[in-house]
Amino acid sequence: MIALKKIRQLIMGASEVVSIKELTARNSGSYLFVQASLIFWVADLRRLHLASWRIEAKIRAEFPNVDSVKNILRYAAALQ
């Protein structure tokens, strides 16, 4: 699926993303639904959510027919 490959590229373009555990996309009529389970390397939850929103905005900009983007967020932070 070409859309899935492009979505994967958009996600991995975010410097905070370490890996994608799971990525699914499905069509329903003219709508696209995306679900991603992502692992982030961030220092705080605020940065995690900002990165998540930025990724979602990039996906929506590339695919205007996206109805829903669901992120399952996991993060790691360095111990100090």
Protein backbone atom coordinates (compact mmCIF):
# COMPACT_ATOMS: atom_id res chain seq x y z
CA MET A 1 0.00 0.00 0.00
CA ILE A 2 1.55 3.26 -1.15
CA ALA A 3 -0.21 5.33 1.54
CA LEU A 4 1.18 3.14 4.32
CA LYS A 5 4.73 3.53 3.01
CA LYS A 6 4.35 7.33 2.85
CA ILE A 7 2.82 7.47 6.36
CA ARG A 8 5.75 5.42 7.67
CA GLN A 9 8.18 7.93 6.09
CA LEU A 10 6.32 10.88 7.62
CA ILE A 11 6.42 9.29 11.08
CA MET A 12 10.08 8.31 10.92
CA GLY A 13 10.92 11.84 9.76
CA ALA A 14 10.24 13.06 13.31
CA SER A 15 13.50 13.16 15.24
CA GLU A 16 11.77 12.06 18.46
CA VAL A 17 10.56 8.75 17.00
CA VAL A 18 12.78 5.76 17.71
CA SER A 19 10.64 3.11 16.04
CA ILE A 20 7.20 2.09 14.88
CA LYS A 21 5.84 -0.93 16.75
CA GLU A 22 2.67 -1.18 14.66
CA LEU A 23 1.15 0.81 11.82
CA THR A 24 -2.21 0.16 10.18
CA ALA A 25 -4.28 2.13 7.73
CA ARG A 26 -7.64 1.22 6.28
CA ASN A 27 -10.06 2.78 3.87
CA SER A 28 -13.77 3.10 4.51
CA GLY A 29 -15.43 4.73 1.56
CA SER A 30 -13.47 7.88 0.81
CA TYR A 31 -11.97 8.06 4.31
CA LEU A 32 -8.64 6.79 5.61
CA PHE A 33 -8.17 5.65 9.21
CA VAL A 34 -4.63 5.42 10.61
CA GLN A 35 -3.44 3.80 13.82
CA ALA A 36 0.18 3.85 14.93
CA SER A 37 1.98 2.47 17.95
CA LEU A 38 5.14 4.54 18.28
CA ILE A 39 8.19 4.59 20.53
CA PHE A 40 9.59 8.03 21.25
CA TRP A 41 12.83 9.14 22.89
CA VAL A 42 11.87 12.33 24.73
CA ALA A 43 12.67 14.06 28.00
CA ASP A 44 9.14 15.09 28.95
CA LEU A 45 5.50 14.43 28.16
CA ARG A 46 4.92 17.91 26.72
CA ARG A 47 7.51 17.27 24.02
CA LEU A 48 5.97 13.84 23.39
CA HIS A 49 2.54 15.34 22.74
CA LEU A 50 3.93 18.13 20.57
CA ALA A 51 5.75 15.56 18.43
CA SER A 52 2.59 13.46 18.21
CA TRP A 53 0.49 16.44 17.10
CA ARG A 54 3.14 17.44 14.55
CA ILE A 55 3.17 13.92 13.07
CA GLU A 56 -0.62 13.86 12.88
CA ALA A 57 -0.65 17.27 11.14
CA LYS A 58 1.86 16.03 8.56
CA ILE A 59 -0.24 12.94 7.86
CA ARG A 60 -3.41 15.02 7.51
CA ALA A 61 -1.64 17.49 5.18
CA GLU A 62 -0.43 14.67 2.94
CA PHE A 63 -3.73 12.76 3.03
CA PRO A 64 -6.69 15.20 3.25
CA ASN A 65 -9.14 12.28 3.35
CA VAL A 66 -7.80 11.07 6.72
CA ASP A 67 -10.72 10.96 9.12
CA SER A 68 -8.94 9.61 12.15
CA VAL A 69 -5.35 9.29 13.35
CA LYS A 70 -4.92 7.31 16.56
CA ASN A 71 -1.53 7.24 18.23
CA ILE A 72 -0.62 4.75 20.89
CA LEU A 73 2.29 6.52 22.51
CA ARG A 74 5.23 4.96 24.30
CA TYR A 75 8.23 6.95 25.37
CA ALA A 76 11.62 6.57 26.92
CA ALA A 77 13.51 9.24 28.81
CA ALA A 78 17.12 9.33 29.91
CA LEU A 79 17.69 8.81 33.62
CA GLN A 80 19.48 11.71 35.27
